[in-house]
Each structure stands twice: as structure tokens, then as C-alpha cells.
N, C-alpha and C. Protein backbone atom coordinates (compact mmCIF):
# COMPACT_ATOMS: atom_id res chain seq x y z
N UNK A 1 -4.58 -3.06 8.42
CA UNK A 1 -3.87 -2.51 9.16
C UNK A 1 -2.84 -2.23 8.26
N UNK A 2 -2.48 -0.54 8.38
CA UNK A 2 -1.47 0.04 7.68
C UNK A 2 -0.18 0.18 8.43
N UNK A 3 0.94 0.17 8.35
CA UNK A 3 1.85 -0.24 8.76
C UNK A 3 3.19 0.52 7.73
N UNK A 4 3.81 1.41 9.11
CA UNK A 4 4.73 1.91 7.67
C UNK A 4 6.25 2.13 8.77
N UNK A 5 7.55 1.27 7.97
CA UNK A 5 8.42 1.88 8.71
C UNK A 5 9.65 2.72 8.65
N UNK A 6 9.92 3.38 9.43
CA UNK A 6 10.95 4.72 8.76
C UNK A 6 12.25 4.47 8.81
N UNK A 7 13.25 4.40 8.05
CA UNK A 7 14.71 4.23 8.19
C UNK A 7 15.53 5.06 7.49
N UNK A 8 16.76 5.24 8.07
CA UNK A 8 17.51 6.67 7.44
C UNK A 8 17.40 7.17 6.20
N UNK A 9 17.40 6.28 5.27
CA UNK A 9 17.00 6.69 3.33
C UNK A 9 15.91 6.21 3.05
N UNK A 10 15.11 5.33 3.17
CA UNK A 10 13.73 4.89 2.66
C UNK A 10 12.82 4.33 3.69
N UNK A 11 11.19 4.26 3.20
CA UNK A 11 10.21 3.95 3.68
C UNK A 11 9.76 2.40 3.69
N UNK A 12 9.66 1.98 4.46
CA UNK A 12 9.05 0.44 4.31
C UNK A 12 7.73 0.48 4.87
N UNK A 13 6.66 0.32 3.40
CA UNK A 13 5.36 0.48 3.82
C UNK A 13 4.78 -0.90 3.15
N UNK A 14 3.52 -1.29 3.18
CA UNK A 14 2.89 -1.73 2.84
C UNK A 14 2.52 -2.34 1.77
N UNK A 15 2.64 -3.55 0.54
CA UNK A 15 2.50 -3.30 -0.62
C UNK A 15 1.18 -3.08 -0.97
N UNK A 16 1.18 -2.21 -2.50
CA UNK A 16 -0.30 -1.58 -2.83
C UNK A 16 -0.47 -2.31 -4.36
N UNK A 17 -1.55 -2.42 -4.87
CA UNK A 17 -1.86 -2.72 -6.16
C UNK A 17 -0.88 -1.93 -7.21
N UNK A 18 -0.69 -0.76 -6.87
CA UNK A 18 0.24 0.37 -7.91
C UNK A 18 1.50 -0.32 -7.83
N UNK A 19 1.93 -1.09 -6.72
CA UNK A 19 3.41 -1.63 -6.96
C UNK A 19 3.74 -2.67 -7.97
N UNK A 20 2.37 -3.49 -8.86
CA UNK A 20 2.94 -4.50 -9.54
C UNK A 20 3.50 -4.68 -10.55
N UNK A 21 4.09 -3.51 -10.89
CA UNK A 21 4.50 -3.34 -12.74
C UNK A 21 6.01 -3.42 -12.33
N UNK A 22 6.33 -2.51 -10.92
CA UNK A 22 7.70 -2.39 -10.75
C UNK A 22 8.30 -3.95 -9.82
N UNK A 23 7.51 -4.54 -9.59
CA UNK A 23 7.38 -5.87 -9.00
C UNK A 23 7.81 -6.93 -9.64
N UNK A 24 6.93 -6.64 -10.93
CA UNK A 24 7.26 -7.47 -12.18
C UNK A 24 8.44 -7.50 -12.85
N UNK A 25 8.98 -6.07 -12.98
CA UNK A 25 9.90 -5.51 -13.57
C UNK A 25 11.38 -6.42 -12.99
N UNK A 26 11.55 -6.00 -11.36
CA UNK A 26 12.31 -6.55 -11.09
C UNK A 26 12.66 -8.05 -10.77
N UNK A 27 11.16 -8.93 -10.14
CA UNK A 27 11.11 -10.28 -10.23
C UNK A 27 11.18 -10.57 -11.71
N UNK A 28 11.15 -10.20 -12.41
CA UNK A 28 11.36 -10.74 -14.04
C UNK A 28 12.59 -10.96 -14.56
N UNK A 29 13.94 -10.75 -13.59
CA UNK A 29 14.96 -10.83 -13.85
C UNK A 29 15.80 -12.26 -12.52
N UNK A 30 16.47 -13.11 -13.92
CA UNK A 30 16.40 -14.23 -13.17
C UNK A 30 17.96 -14.03 -12.14
N UNK A 31 18.40 -13.02 -12.59
CA UNK A 31 19.41 -13.03 -11.46
C UNK A 31 18.61 -12.46 -9.84
N UNK A 32 17.65 -12.25 -9.83
CA UNK A 32 16.60 -11.91 -8.71
C UNK A 32 15.97 -13.07 -8.43
N UNK A 33 14.87 -13.46 -9.21
CA UNK A 33 14.33 -14.61 -9.12
C UNK A 33 14.75 -16.02 -8.97
N UNK A 34 16.10 -16.18 -9.24
CA UNK A 34 16.59 -17.19 -9.45
C UNK A 34 17.04 -17.45 -7.93
N UNK A 35 17.35 -16.59 -7.14
CA UNK A 35 18.17 -16.70 -5.41
C UNK A 35 16.50 -16.48 -4.87
N UNK A 36 15.20 -16.68 -5.16
CA UNK A 36 14.17 -17.45 -4.25
C UNK A 36 13.65 -18.09 -4.22
N UNK A 37 13.15 -19.37 -3.35
CA UNK A 37 12.05 -20.29 -3.44
C UNK A 37 10.80 -19.90 -4.03
N UNK A 38 10.17 -19.18 -3.76
CA UNK A 38 8.54 -19.31 -4.08
C UNK A 38 8.32 -17.90 -5.55
N UNK A 39 9.20 -18.01 -6.05
CA UNK A 39 8.91 -16.94 -6.98
C UNK A 39 9.21 -17.75 -8.55
N UNK A 40 8.73 -17.88 -9.16
CA UNK A 40 8.67 -18.31 -10.55
C UNK A 40 9.42 -17.44 -11.48
N UNK A 41 9.87 -18.01 -12.78
CA UNK A 41 10.78 -17.08 -14.10
C UNK A 41 10.02 -17.60 -14.92
N UNK A 42 9.63 -17.08 -15.86
CA UNK A 42 9.16 -15.38 -15.99
C UNK A 42 8.58 -15.24 -14.92
N UNK A 43 8.73 -13.94 -14.74
CA UNK A 43 7.57 -13.17 -13.47
C UNK A 43 6.87 -12.12 -14.25
N UNK A 44 5.62 -12.34 -14.29
CA UNK A 44 4.78 -11.62 -15.07
C UNK A 44 4.12 -10.70 -14.13
N UNK A 45 3.38 -9.31 -14.83
CA UNK A 45 2.72 -8.35 -14.01
C UNK A 45 1.37 -9.14 -13.46
N UNK A 46 0.40 -10.28 -14.16
CA UNK A 46 0.01 -11.00 -13.67
C UNK A 46 0.22 -11.50 -12.20
N UNK A 47 1.46 -12.52 -11.71
CA UNK A 47 2.34 -12.69 -11.28
C UNK A 47 2.10 -11.97 -9.93
N UNK A 48 2.35 -10.55 -10.54
CA UNK A 48 2.46 -9.78 -9.16
C UNK A 48 1.00 -9.11 -8.94
N UNK A 49 0.03 -9.08 -9.72
CA UNK A 49 -1.54 -8.95 -9.36
C UNK A 49 -2.05 -9.75 -8.06
N UNK A 50 -1.33 -11.24 -9.03
CA UNK A 50 -2.47 -12.07 -7.95
C UNK A 50 -1.13 -12.03 -6.70
N UNK A 51 -0.51 -12.34 -6.54
CA UNK A 51 0.15 -11.84 -4.94
C UNK A 51 -0.26 -10.69 -4.41
N UNK A 52 -0.50 -9.86 -5.36
CA UNK A 52 -0.71 -8.52 -4.37
C UNK A 52 -2.24 -8.81 -3.62
N UNK A 53 -3.06 -9.42 -4.39
CA UNK A 53 -4.49 -9.92 -4.26
C UNK A 53 -4.80 -10.38 -2.84
N UNK A 54 -3.32 -11.23 -2.58
CA UNK A 54 -3.46 -11.97 -1.23
C UNK A 54 -3.10 -11.15 0.12
N UNK A 55 -2.43 -10.22 -0.12
CA UNK A 55 -2.33 -8.92 0.96
C UNK A 55 -3.75 -8.38 1.26
N UNK A 56 -4.22 -8.70 2.32
CA UNK A 56 -5.11 -7.75 2.62
C UNK A 56 -5.10 -6.76 4.11
N UNK A 57 -5.84 -5.89 4.16
CA UNK A 57 -6.12 -5.26 5.35
C UNK A 57 -5.72 -5.73 6.98
N UNK A 58 -6.10 -6.80 7.14
CA UNK A 58 -5.32 -7.06 8.21
C UNK A 58 -5.27 -9.04 8.39
N UNK A 59 -3.86 -8.64 8.41
CA UNK A 59 -3.44 -10.20 8.58
C UNK A 59 -2.37 -9.96 9.65
N UNK A 60 -2.18 -11.54 9.80
CA UNK A 60 -1.33 -11.94 11.02
C UNK A 60 -0.17 -10.89 11.24
N UNK A 61 0.21 -10.77 12.18
CA UNK A 61 1.80 -9.85 12.39
C UNK A 61 2.74 -10.81 11.46
N UNK A 62 2.37 -12.34 11.60
CA UNK A 62 3.35 -13.62 11.05
C UNK A 62 3.55 -13.39 9.66
N UNK A 63 2.55 -12.90 8.81
CA UNK A 63 2.59 -13.04 7.50
C UNK A 63 2.06 -11.07 6.86
N UNK A 64 2.99 -10.29 7.82
CA UNK A 64 3.27 -8.59 7.10
C UNK A 64 4.60 -8.77 5.83
N UNK A 65 3.97 -8.14 5.37
CA UNK A 65 5.17 -7.81 3.93
C UNK A 65 5.41 -6.27 4.31
N UNK A 66 6.64 -6.14 3.65
CA UNK A 66 6.78 -4.42 3.45
C UNK A 66 7.19 -4.38 1.62
N UNK A 67 6.70 -3.33 1.31
CA UNK A 67 7.66 -2.70 -0.15
C UNK A 67 8.93 -1.96 0.44
N UNK A 68 9.80 -1.68 -0.24
CA UNK A 68 10.85 -1.01 0.15
C UNK A 68 10.73 0.22 -0.70
N UNK A 69 10.73 1.16 -0.13
CA UNK A 69 10.15 2.52 -0.74
C UNK A 69 11.42 3.59 -1.09
N UNK A 70 12.09 3.80 -2.24
CA UNK A 70 13.14 4.59 -1.68
C UNK A 70 12.52 6.08 -2.46
N UNK A 71 13.30 7.27 -1.95
CA UNK A 71 12.93 8.28 -2.82
C UNK A 71 13.50 8.64 -3.78
N UNK A 72 12.53 8.97 -4.77
CA UNK A 72 13.06 9.18 -6.30
C UNK A 72 12.75 7.92 -7.28
N UNK A 73 12.50 6.85 -6.59
CA UNK A 73 12.80 5.37 -7.21
C UNK A 73 11.19 5.07 -6.89
N UNK A 74 10.68 4.74 -6.44
CA UNK A 74 9.55 3.71 -5.65
C UNK A 74 9.91 2.76 -4.97
N UNK A 75 9.36 1.58 -5.40
CA UNK A 75 9.31 0.16 -5.19
C UNK A 75 10.83 0.05 -5.82
N UNK A 76 11.65 -0.29 -4.75
CA UNK A 76 12.93 -1.27 -5.03
C UNK A 76 12.92 -2.58 -4.83
N UNK A 77 12.23 -2.95 -4.05
CA UNK A 77 12.25 -4.42 -3.36
C UNK A 77 11.59 -4.50 -2.08
N UNK A 78 11.69 -5.59 -1.22
CA UNK A 78 10.24 -6.05 -0.76
C UNK A 78 11.18 -7.19 0.51
N UNK A 79 10.71 -7.21 2.05
CA UNK A 79 10.90 -7.86 2.87
C UNK A 79 9.77 -8.03 3.28
N UNK A 80 9.63 -9.57 3.94
CA UNK A 80 8.68 -9.74 5.00
C UNK A 80 8.59 -11.39 4.95
N UNK A 81 7.43 -11.41 5.98
CA UNK A 81 7.39 -12.94 7.02
C UNK A 81 6.12 -13.80 6.55
N UNK A 82 6.63 -14.47 6.66
CA UNK A 82 5.60 -15.84 6.61
C UNK A 82 5.85 -16.88 7.58
N UNK A 83 4.93 -17.29 7.64
CA UNK A 83 4.91 -18.44 8.39
C UNK A 83 4.97 -20.20 8.23
N UNK A 84 6.19 -20.52 8.81
CA UNK A 84 7.03 -22.10 8.14
C UNK A 84 6.34 -22.99 9.20
N UNK A 85 6.86 -24.34 8.82
CA UNK A 85 6.55 -25.52 9.85
C UNK A 85 7.30 -24.94 11.01
N UNK A 86 8.23 -24.15 11.31
CA UNK A 86 8.92 -24.45 12.86
C UNK A 86 8.55 -22.81 12.97
N UNK A 87 7.96 -21.98 12.28
CA UNK A 87 8.10 -20.78 13.09
C UNK A 87 7.77 -19.77 12.03
N UNK A 88 8.02 -18.58 12.49
CA UNK A 88 8.32 -17.02 11.27
C UNK A 88 9.34 -17.20 10.33
N UNK A 89 9.38 -17.17 8.84
CA UNK A 89 10.23 -16.86 8.41
C UNK A 89 10.54 -15.77 7.64
N UNK A 90 11.56 -15.26 7.65
CA UNK A 90 11.66 -13.83 6.85
C UNK A 90 12.22 -14.25 5.62
N UNK A 91 11.62 -13.53 4.52
CA UNK A 91 12.35 -13.39 3.08
C UNK A 91 12.61 -12.22 2.41
N UNK A 92 13.59 -11.82 1.38
CA UNK A 92 13.38 -10.68 1.10
C UNK A 92 14.29 -10.64 -0.63
N UNK A 93 13.69 -9.72 -1.23
CA UNK A 93 14.71 -9.30 -1.97
C UNK A 93 14.57 -7.94 -3.12
N UNK A 94 15.80 -7.48 -3.54
CA UNK A 94 15.67 -6.41 -4.25
C UNK A 94 16.32 -6.34 -5.58
N UNK A 95 15.15 -5.26 -6.10
CA UNK A 95 15.95 -5.05 -7.29
C UNK A 95 17.41 -4.97 -8.28
N UNK A 96 18.17 -5.62 -8.80
CA UNK A 96 19.44 -5.66 -9.08
C UNK A 96 19.83 -3.76 -9.24
N UNK A 97 19.45 -3.06 -9.78
CA UNK A 97 19.71 -1.40 -9.66
C UNK A 97 20.19 -0.91 -8.16
N UNK A 98 19.98 -1.57 -7.30
CA UNK A 98 19.96 -1.07 -5.80
C UNK A 98 20.60 -1.73 -5.24
N UNK A 99 21.58 -3.30 -5.72
CA UNK A 99 22.34 -3.86 -4.81
C UNK A 99 23.74 -3.47 -4.42
N UNK A 100 24.17 -4.11 -3.89
CA UNK A 100 25.85 -3.32 -3.71
C UNK A 100 25.53 -1.97 -2.55
N UNK A 101 24.16 -1.49 -1.75
CA UNK A 101 23.88 -0.51 -1.38
C UNK A 101 23.60 -0.15 0.02
N UNK A 102 23.87 -1.38 0.44
CA UNK A 102 23.48 -1.80 1.63
C UNK A 102 21.91 -1.27 2.17
N UNK A 103 21.35 -1.25 1.19
CA UNK A 103 19.54 -0.90 1.14
C UNK A 103 19.02 -2.43 1.94
N UNK A 104 19.42 -3.73 1.50
CA UNK A 104 18.65 -4.71 2.08
C UNK A 104 19.19 -4.81 3.69
N UNK A 105 20.39 -4.69 4.30
CA UNK A 105 20.65 -5.00 5.10
C UNK A 105 19.47 -3.83 6.16
N UNK A 106 19.78 -2.71 5.67
CA UNK A 106 19.14 -1.38 6.44
C UNK A 106 17.02 -2.12 6.41
N UNK A 107 16.88 -2.82 5.49
CA UNK A 107 15.62 -2.73 5.41
C UNK A 107 15.13 -3.64 6.37
N UNK A 108 16.15 -5.37 5.97
CA UNK A 108 15.71 -6.21 7.26
C UNK A 108 15.74 -6.18 8.99
N UNK A 109 17.06 -5.44 9.09
CA UNK A 109 17.37 -4.32 10.25
C UNK A 109 16.14 -4.06 10.79
N UNK A 110 15.34 -2.94 9.98
CA UNK A 110 14.52 -2.08 10.51
C UNK A 110 12.86 -3.63 10.63
N UNK A 111 12.70 -4.37 9.74
CA UNK A 111 12.15 -4.94 10.03
C UNK A 111 11.97 -6.05 11.34
N UNK A 112 13.24 -6.69 11.12
CA UNK A 112 13.69 -7.32 12.84
C UNK A 112 13.32 -6.25 13.94
N UNK A 113 13.30 -5.14 13.75
CA UNK A 113 13.56 -4.14 14.99
C UNK A 113 11.84 -4.14 15.52
N UNK A 114 11.27 -4.34 14.37
CA UNK A 114 9.44 -3.97 14.51
C UNK A 114 9.06 -5.50 14.47
N UNK A 115 9.28 -6.53 14.29
CA UNK A 115 9.42 -7.97 14.26
C UNK A 115 9.13 -8.37 15.83
N UNK A 116 9.97 -8.20 16.37
CA UNK A 116 10.47 -9.18 17.93
C UNK A 116 9.75 -8.37 18.56
N UNK A 117 9.58 -7.13 18.92
CA UNK A 117 8.38 -6.99 19.59
C UNK A 117 7.19 -6.91 19.54
N UNK A 118 6.77 -7.09 18.04
CA UNK A 118 5.20 -6.62 17.81
C UNK A 118 4.97 -7.89 18.20
N UNK A 119 5.53 -9.17 17.60
CA UNK A 119 5.24 -10.52 18.20
C UNK A 119 5.13 -11.42 19.43
N UNK A 120 6.64 -10.69 19.99
CA UNK A 120 7.32 -11.27 20.86
C UNK A 120 8.15 -13.05 20.26
N UNK A 121 8.19 -13.08 19.43
CA UNK A 121 8.65 -14.50 18.32
C UNK A 121 10.02 -14.85 19.11
N UNK A 122 10.12 -16.14 19.60
CA UNK A 122 11.27 -16.25 19.95
C UNK A 122 12.82 -16.63 19.20
N UNK A 123 11.87 -16.90 17.79
CA UNK A 123 13.31 -16.83 16.85
C UNK A 123 12.45 -16.98 15.54
N UNK A 124 12.97 -16.12 14.53
CA UNK A 124 13.05 -16.11 13.42
C UNK A 124 13.74 -16.84 12.29
N UNK A 125 13.23 -17.82 10.97
CA UNK A 125 14.25 -18.65 10.11
C UNK A 125 14.42 -17.94 9.11
N UNK A 126 15.47 -18.49 8.45
CA UNK A 126 15.76 -17.53 6.74
C UNK A 126 16.33 -18.73 6.31
N UNK A 127 17.20 -18.42 5.39
CA UNK A 127 18.29 -19.10 4.52
C UNK A 127 18.59 -18.59 3.23
N UNK A 128 19.64 -18.99 2.77
CA UNK A 128 19.53 -18.56 1.58
C UNK A 128 20.02 -19.61 0.35
N UNK A 129 20.08 -20.01 -0.77
CA UNK A 129 20.50 -20.98 -1.67
C UNK A 129 22.22 -20.41 -1.63
N UNK A 130 22.55 -21.64 -1.91
CA UNK A 130 24.03 -22.02 -1.10
C UNK A 130 25.41 -21.06 -2.26
N UNK A 131 24.62 -20.77 -3.23
CA UNK A 131 25.07 -19.81 -4.30
C UNK A 131 24.90 -18.06 -4.05
N UNK A 132 24.26 -18.20 -2.84
CA UNK A 132 24.17 -16.61 -2.86
C UNK A 132 24.78 -15.90 -1.23
N UNK A 133 25.53 -15.84 -1.50
CA UNK A 133 27.05 -15.25 -1.14
C UNK A 133 26.68 -13.89 -0.26
N UNK A 134 26.06 -12.84 -0.92
CA UNK A 134 25.14 -11.68 -0.44
C UNK A 134 24.24 -12.02 0.29
N UNK A 135 23.78 -12.54 -0.06
CA UNK A 135 22.35 -12.57 0.85
C UNK A 135 22.90 -13.26 2.78
N UNK A 136 23.62 -14.42 2.34
CA UNK A 136 24.16 -14.77 3.68
C UNK A 136 24.96 -13.52 4.39
N UNK A 137 25.88 -13.20 3.83
CA UNK A 137 26.63 -12.17 4.21
C UNK A 137 25.98 -10.80 5.15
N UNK A 138 24.52 -10.40 4.52
CA UNK A 138 23.57 -9.98 5.23
C UNK A 138 22.74 -10.40 6.56
N UNK A 139 22.54 -11.94 6.28
CA UNK A 139 22.17 -12.20 7.70
C UNK A 139 23.14 -12.63 8.29
N UNK A 140 24.43 -12.73 8.29
CA UNK A 140 25.78 -12.83 9.12
C UNK A 140 25.55 -11.65 9.93
N UNK A 141 25.92 -10.54 8.94
CA UNK A 141 26.33 -9.11 9.65
C UNK A 141 24.29 -8.79 10.72
N UNK A 142 23.73 -9.80 10.75
CA UNK A 142 22.77 -9.15 11.48
C UNK A 142 22.62 -10.30 12.94
N UNK A 143 23.07 -11.19 12.65
CA UNK A 143 23.37 -12.07 13.92
C UNK A 143 22.67 -13.50 13.51
N UNK A 144 22.28 -13.63 12.61
CA UNK A 144 22.05 -15.21 12.00
C UNK A 144 22.82 -16.17 12.34
N UNK A 145 22.13 -17.32 12.22
CA UNK A 145 23.01 -18.40 12.59
C UNK A 145 22.89 -19.50 11.68
N UNK A 146 23.93 -20.44 10.96
CA UNK A 146 23.76 -21.56 10.11
C UNK A 146 22.98 -22.46 11.28
N UNK A 147 21.94 -23.38 10.90
CA UNK A 147 21.48 -24.30 11.82
C UNK A 147 21.30 -25.33 10.86
N UNK A 148 21.97 -25.60 9.78
CA UNK A 148 21.62 -26.76 8.68
C UNK A 148 21.86 -26.46 7.42
N UNK A 149 21.65 -27.66 7.07
CA UNK A 149 21.53 -26.92 5.21
C UNK A 149 20.38 -28.59 4.71
N UNK A 150 19.64 -28.00 3.53
CA UNK A 150 18.52 -28.61 3.24
C UNK A 150 18.51 -28.30 1.59
N UNK A 151 17.25 -28.97 1.06
CA UNK A 151 17.02 -29.30 -0.08
C UNK A 151 15.99 -28.01 -0.37
N UNK A 152 15.54 -27.10 -1.10
CA UNK A 152 14.25 -26.63 -1.16
C UNK A 152 13.96 -26.19 -3.03
N UNK A 153 13.07 -26.15 -3.10
CA UNK A 153 12.78 -26.26 -4.50
C UNK A 153 12.63 -24.63 -4.86
N UNK A 154 13.02 -24.29 -6.12
CA UNK A 154 13.15 -23.06 -6.35
C UNK A 154 12.55 -22.93 -7.23
N UNK A 155 11.34 -22.39 -7.56
CA UNK A 155 10.49 -22.21 -8.82
C UNK A 155 11.04 -21.83 -10.15
N UNK A 156 11.83 -20.69 -10.29
CA UNK A 156 12.48 -20.29 -11.14
C UNK A 156 13.54 -21.20 -11.67
N UNK A 157 13.70 -21.84 -10.74
CA UNK A 157 14.97 -22.96 -11.65
C UNK A 157 14.36 -23.75 -11.89
N UNK A 158 13.30 -24.26 -10.96
CA UNK A 158 12.41 -25.75 -11.87
C UNK A 158 13.14 -26.51 -11.01
N UNK A 159 13.83 -26.25 -9.51
CA UNK A 159 14.53 -27.68 -9.50
C UNK A 159 15.15 -27.70 -7.74
N UNK A 160 15.02 -28.73 -7.05
CA UNK A 160 15.75 -28.53 -5.86
C UNK A 160 17.35 -28.08 -6.07
N UNK A 161 17.13 -27.12 -4.57
CA UNK A 161 18.45 -26.62 -4.74
C UNK A 161 18.98 -26.59 -3.47
N UNK A 162 20.66 -26.99 -3.61
CA UNK A 162 20.77 -26.74 -1.78
C UNK A 162 20.51 -25.53 -1.11
N UNK A 163 20.36 -25.48 0.39
CA UNK A 163 19.53 -24.67 1.26
C UNK A 163 20.62 -24.37 2.19
N UNK A 164 21.24 -23.27 2.36
CA UNK A 164 21.59 -22.85 3.92
C UNK A 164 20.54 -22.64 4.65
N UNK A 165 19.66 -22.79 5.94
CA UNK A 165 19.38 -22.74 6.58
C UNK A 165 20.01 -21.98 8.19
N UNK A 166 19.18 -20.94 7.90
CA UNK A 166 19.71 -19.59 9.02
C UNK A 166 18.41 -19.20 10.21
N UNK A 167 18.66 -18.96 11.24
CA UNK A 167 17.66 -18.64 12.15
C UNK A 167 18.51 -17.00 13.17
N UNK A 168 17.14 -16.38 13.57
CA UNK A 168 17.93 -15.59 14.59
C UNK A 168 17.39 -15.43 16.01
N UNK A 169 17.74 -15.83 16.92
CA UNK A 169 16.56 -15.71 18.05
C UNK A 169 16.52 -14.54 18.72
N UNK A 170 15.44 -14.45 19.54
CA UNK A 170 15.46 -12.88 19.63
C UNK A 170 16.56 -12.46 20.68
N UNK A 171 17.09 -13.30 21.82
CA UNK A 171 17.81 -12.74 22.23
C UNK A 171 19.02 -12.26 21.92
N UNK A 172 19.67 -13.52 20.48
CA UNK A 172 20.94 -12.71 19.95
C UNK A 172 20.62 -11.66 19.29
N UNK A 173 19.25 -11.46 18.55
CA UNK A 173 18.45 -10.04 18.26
C UNK A 173 19.27 -8.73 19.09
N UNK A 174 18.53 -9.03 20.12
CA UNK A 174 18.71 -7.68 21.45
C UNK A 174 20.40 -7.41 21.76
N UNK A 175 21.11 -8.77 21.82
CA UNK A 175 22.39 -8.11 22.11
C UNK A 175 23.78 -8.05 20.94
N UNK A 176 22.78 -8.34 19.62
CA UNK A 176 23.98 -8.08 18.12
C UNK A 176 23.40 -6.29 17.98
N UNK A 177 22.25 -5.86 18.46
CA UNK A 177 22.06 -4.49 17.95
C UNK A 177 23.43 -3.34 18.53
N UNK A 178 23.65 -2.28 17.81
CA UNK A 178 24.29 -1.57 18.10
C UNK A 178 23.88 -0.93 19.02
């Protein structure tokens, strides 16, 4: 399935093998990978290529991923879904040169606008490591609520780290939309 979403400033598109170098460039920054659970550090082009090989033309909707494609720059980050033990989980990252511009809020909003109607999932889970205030601010802005705390392995830090667990119900999403 080839899926593309358009926002006011950029395109969300399926990842392609040509993204490997930029994925590796941005994720090989500990300021980025150190905020993510499932990304090792250092992060190499071979890691990006291995991950990209897991992307198939036909994937379950709950395992859809989008590359954030900025005009004039190309890939700037990523937002995607995967199935967790309680249901779908949304995760995301943005290359450091693009921080502080509202890009991730726009990307997460667009992906949720697609995800809830496409899957009819009643809830989407997420969360942040306790020190990632910027990501938590994005989630709060979009209607996510804190549902607890846990410890989660951070591959880049090679340690379990305190994690703020969050969720967004479809009902809250619908009510929260501008």
C-alpha cells in the first residue's frame, strides 16, 4: 500500500530505501536516539537499511510508518505506529535541525487524523522518557493523557529509563480537534 498524507507544510509518505542515509544521519545524534526506546546508538546506515527492509508494500494499518518529507530538505524525521501489548503505539522522531518549528506536532496530528478513521482503534498509546519535556508537550497539546509510569529499555542508553506512559482515546481526539 502506498499512502501519502499532505499537511500545510510537508508530505508524510512511506519510507523508501533512499531514505537510509538521512535516517542514519539524524538518528546517529544521541540527542535524538537517546529519547527513543527502540533505536541503538551509534546508528549506522546499515541499521537504517535493515529497518527499511522490514517495510513491505502490504503492512497492517497498525504498522504504518511515515517519513516526514520537507520541501527543499527531504526526509526530516519519522512518525509511525506499531502494535504493542495493549494496542497500537505511536512513536516519532525529528532530526535536530528541525526542532522547535512545530513540525512534529503537525506530523503527529496528521497521522492521527488518518489512523483513527482508518483503523477505528478506540485508543492509541505512547509515552516519553521522563526527561523529554518537548515530546510530552506535543502529546499534551494533542490530547494525550498520562496513564502511569514504567521503566522502559532505551537501546541508545543501554539502560532501563523511567517512562511516562500516555494514551489518546478516539473520543478525546474527536472532541479535541480544532
